[in-house]
Amino acid sequence: MGIDIEQANAGFLMIYALKYKEGSEHKDPQRLADLMARNLNNEIRRVDGVGTLRFFAAESAMRIWVDPQKLLSYGLSITDVNKALDDQNVQVAAGKFGGRPVESDKQLTATFKVQGLLESPEEFGKILL
C-alpha cells in the first residue's frame, strides 16, 4: 500500500486553438469545440507530463424532455432512459488496420471509428428503451 502524489502547476504551459480555413463555408464554432472535446482533448491528456487540461468551450448537448406519467405507464424509470442513452450514444473504435502483429513492410496504422454519437433530435428519437 502506498500513496502516489503528483504535482501540477496552475500556470499555462500551452494553449491550442482550432480555426477554419480562410474562406471556408459553414463555419460553426460549436462543431469545432465539440471536435476538440471528443477527439483532441483525451489524446492531449495522455501525453506524458500533462497534469491538467482545461477546456474553455462548451460541448454539444441535447436536452431531452420526458413525460413522467407516460414513462411510468411503460414500467420505465429515468434510470432506464439514462442507461439507454449511455448504451446507444457512444463513440467506439471499430478496429485497426496495420496494427500489431504486422509484417515488417507495413507503413500505415489506422484506427477506424464508427458513427456512434447521435447528433439530431431524430436520431435521439430512435433510441430504444
Protein backbone atom coordinates (compact mmCIF):
# COMPACT_ATOMS: atom_id res chain seq x y z
CA MET A 1 0.00 0.00 0.00
CA GLY A 2 1.27 3.49 -0.73
CA ILE A 3 0.47 6.98 -1.84
CA ASP A 4 1.28 8.41 -5.25
CA ILE A 5 1.47 12.21 -5.24
CA GLU A 6 1.61 14.25 -8.42
CA GLN A 7 2.15 17.97 -8.51
CA ALA A 8 0.68 20.05 -11.31
CA ASN A 9 1.48 23.71 -11.88
CA ALA A 10 -1.55 26.01 -12.13
CA GLY A 11 0.05 28.12 -14.90
CA PHE A 12 -0.48 27.57 -18.60
CA LEU A 13 2.31 25.89 -20.50
CA MET A 14 0.48 25.52 -23.80
CA ILE A 15 -2.74 26.80 -25.34
CA TYR A 16 -4.13 25.36 -28.55
CA ALA A 17 -6.94 26.54 -30.77
CA LEU A 18 -8.62 25.44 -33.97
CA LYS A 19 -9.96 27.68 -36.72
CA TYR A 20 -11.48 27.26 -40.13
CA LYS A 21 -9.51 27.92 -43.31
CA GLU A 22 -9.89 31.38 -44.77
CA GLY A 23 -12.96 31.48 -47.00
CA SER A 24 -14.49 28.28 -45.61
CA GLU A 25 -18.25 27.98 -45.81
CA HIS A 26 -20.29 26.57 -42.91
CA LYS A 27 -18.14 27.96 -40.09
CA ASP A 28 -19.56 26.50 -36.89
CA PRO A 29 -17.57 27.27 -33.71
CA GLN A 30 -19.71 24.83 -31.71
CA ARG A 31 -18.75 21.99 -34.05
CA LEU A 32 -15.05 22.84 -33.65
CA ALA A 33 -15.43 22.89 -29.86
CA ASP A 34 -17.18 19.53 -29.99
CA LEU A 35 -14.40 18.09 -32.18
CA MET A 36 -11.82 19.27 -29.64
CA ALA A 37 -13.76 17.83 -26.70
CA ARG A 38 -14.44 14.45 -28.30
CA ASN A 39 -11.20 13.81 -30.20
CA LEU A 40 -8.27 16.02 -29.25
CA ASN A 41 -8.54 16.66 -25.51
CA ASN A 42 -8.32 13.00 -24.48
CA GLU A 43 -5.25 12.50 -26.68
CA ILE A 44 -3.56 15.52 -25.12
CA ARG A 45 -4.39 14.26 -21.60
CA ARG A 46 -2.50 11.03 -22.41
CA VAL A 47 0.77 12.84 -23.23
CA ASP A 48 3.44 12.29 -20.57
CA GLY A 49 3.85 15.39 -18.43
CA VAL A 50 0.33 16.75 -18.94
CA GLY A 51 -1.13 17.29 -15.48
CA THR A 52 -4.38 19.08 -16.29
CA LEU A 53 -6.25 20.12 -19.39
CA ARG A 54 -8.71 22.99 -19.10
CA PHE A 55 -11.32 23.33 -21.82
CA PHE A 56 -12.67 26.83 -22.47
CA ALA A 57 -15.64 25.95 -24.64
CA ALA A 58 -18.90 24.05 -24.33
CA GLU A 59 -19.51 20.58 -25.71
CA SER A 60 -22.62 19.92 -27.75
CA ALA A 61 -25.62 18.86 -25.74
CA MET A 62 -29.16 17.66 -26.40
CA ARG A 63 -32.00 18.36 -23.97
CA ILE A 64 -34.49 15.51 -23.73
CA TRP A 65 -37.97 16.08 -22.36
CA VAL A 66 -39.58 13.10 -20.65
CA ASP A 67 -43.25 12.66 -19.81
CA PRO A 68 -43.05 11.00 -16.35
CA GLN A 69 -46.61 9.62 -16.47
CA LYS A 70 -46.07 8.02 -19.86
CA LEU A 71 -42.74 6.62 -18.69
CA LEU A 72 -44.44 5.05 -15.65
CA SER A 73 -47.20 3.59 -17.83
CA TYR A 74 -44.49 1.61 -19.67
CA GLY A 75 -42.92 0.49 -16.37
CA LEU A 76 -39.78 2.52 -17.02
CA SER A 77 -37.77 5.00 -14.94
CA ILE A 78 -35.41 7.89 -15.63
CA THR A 79 -32.59 5.46 -14.81
CA ASP A 80 -33.74 3.29 -17.74
CA VAL A 81 -33.70 6.34 -20.04
CA ASN A 82 -30.19 7.33 -18.89
CA LYS A 83 -28.91 3.78 -19.40
CA ALA A 84 -30.38 3.64 -22.91
CA LEU A 85 -28.76 6.98 -23.74
CA ASP A 86 -25.38 5.83 -22.39
CA ASP A 87 -25.57 2.49 -24.21
CA GLN A 88 -26.73 3.82 -27.60
CA ASN A 89 -24.84 7.12 -27.81
CA VAL A 90 -21.14 6.19 -27.72
CA GLN A 91 -18.13 6.57 -29.95
CA VAL A 92 -16.04 3.43 -30.20
CA ALA A 93 -13.09 2.31 -32.26
CA ALA A 94 -14.29 -0.15 -34.88
CA GLY A 95 -10.86 -1.69 -35.34
CA LYS A 96 -7.36 -1.14 -36.65
CA PHE A 97 -5.69 -1.60 -39.99
CA GLY A 98 -1.98 -2.39 -39.92
CA GLY A 99 -1.85 -2.89 -36.15
CA ARG A 100 0.39 -5.42 -34.43
CA PRO A 101 1.12 -8.19 -35.09
CA VAL A 102 2.06 -6.93 -38.52
CA GLU A 103 4.53 -7.69 -41.26
CA SER A 104 7.64 -5.52 -41.14
CA ASP A 105 6.97 -3.86 -44.54
CA LYS A 106 3.67 -2.23 -43.38
CA GLN A 107 3.99 1.55 -43.11
CA LEU A 108 0.50 2.57 -42.04
CA THR A 109 -1.59 2.00 -38.95
CA ALA A 110 -5.10 3.45 -38.91
CA THR A 111 -7.91 3.25 -36.39
CA PHE A 112 -11.43 3.06 -37.79
CA LYS A 113 -14.31 4.68 -35.93
CA VAL A 114 -17.98 4.13 -36.49
CA GLN A 115 -20.81 6.66 -36.25
CA GLY A 116 -22.00 6.12 -32.72
CA LEU A 117 -22.65 9.59 -31.39
CA LEU A 118 -26.13 10.85 -32.03
CA GLU A 119 -26.40 14.35 -33.48
CA SER A 120 -30.00 15.18 -34.33
CA PRO A 121 -33.34 15.07 -32.50
CA GLU A 122 -34.48 12.41 -34.99
CA GLU A 123 -31.53 10.16 -34.07
CA PHE A 124 -32.25 10.57 -30.35
CA GLY A 125 -35.92 9.81 -31.07
CA LYS A 126 -34.94 6.35 -32.34
CA ILE A 127 -33.35 5.25 -29.05
CA LEU A 128 -34.90 2.01 -27.84
CA LEU A 129 -35.89 1.75 -24.19
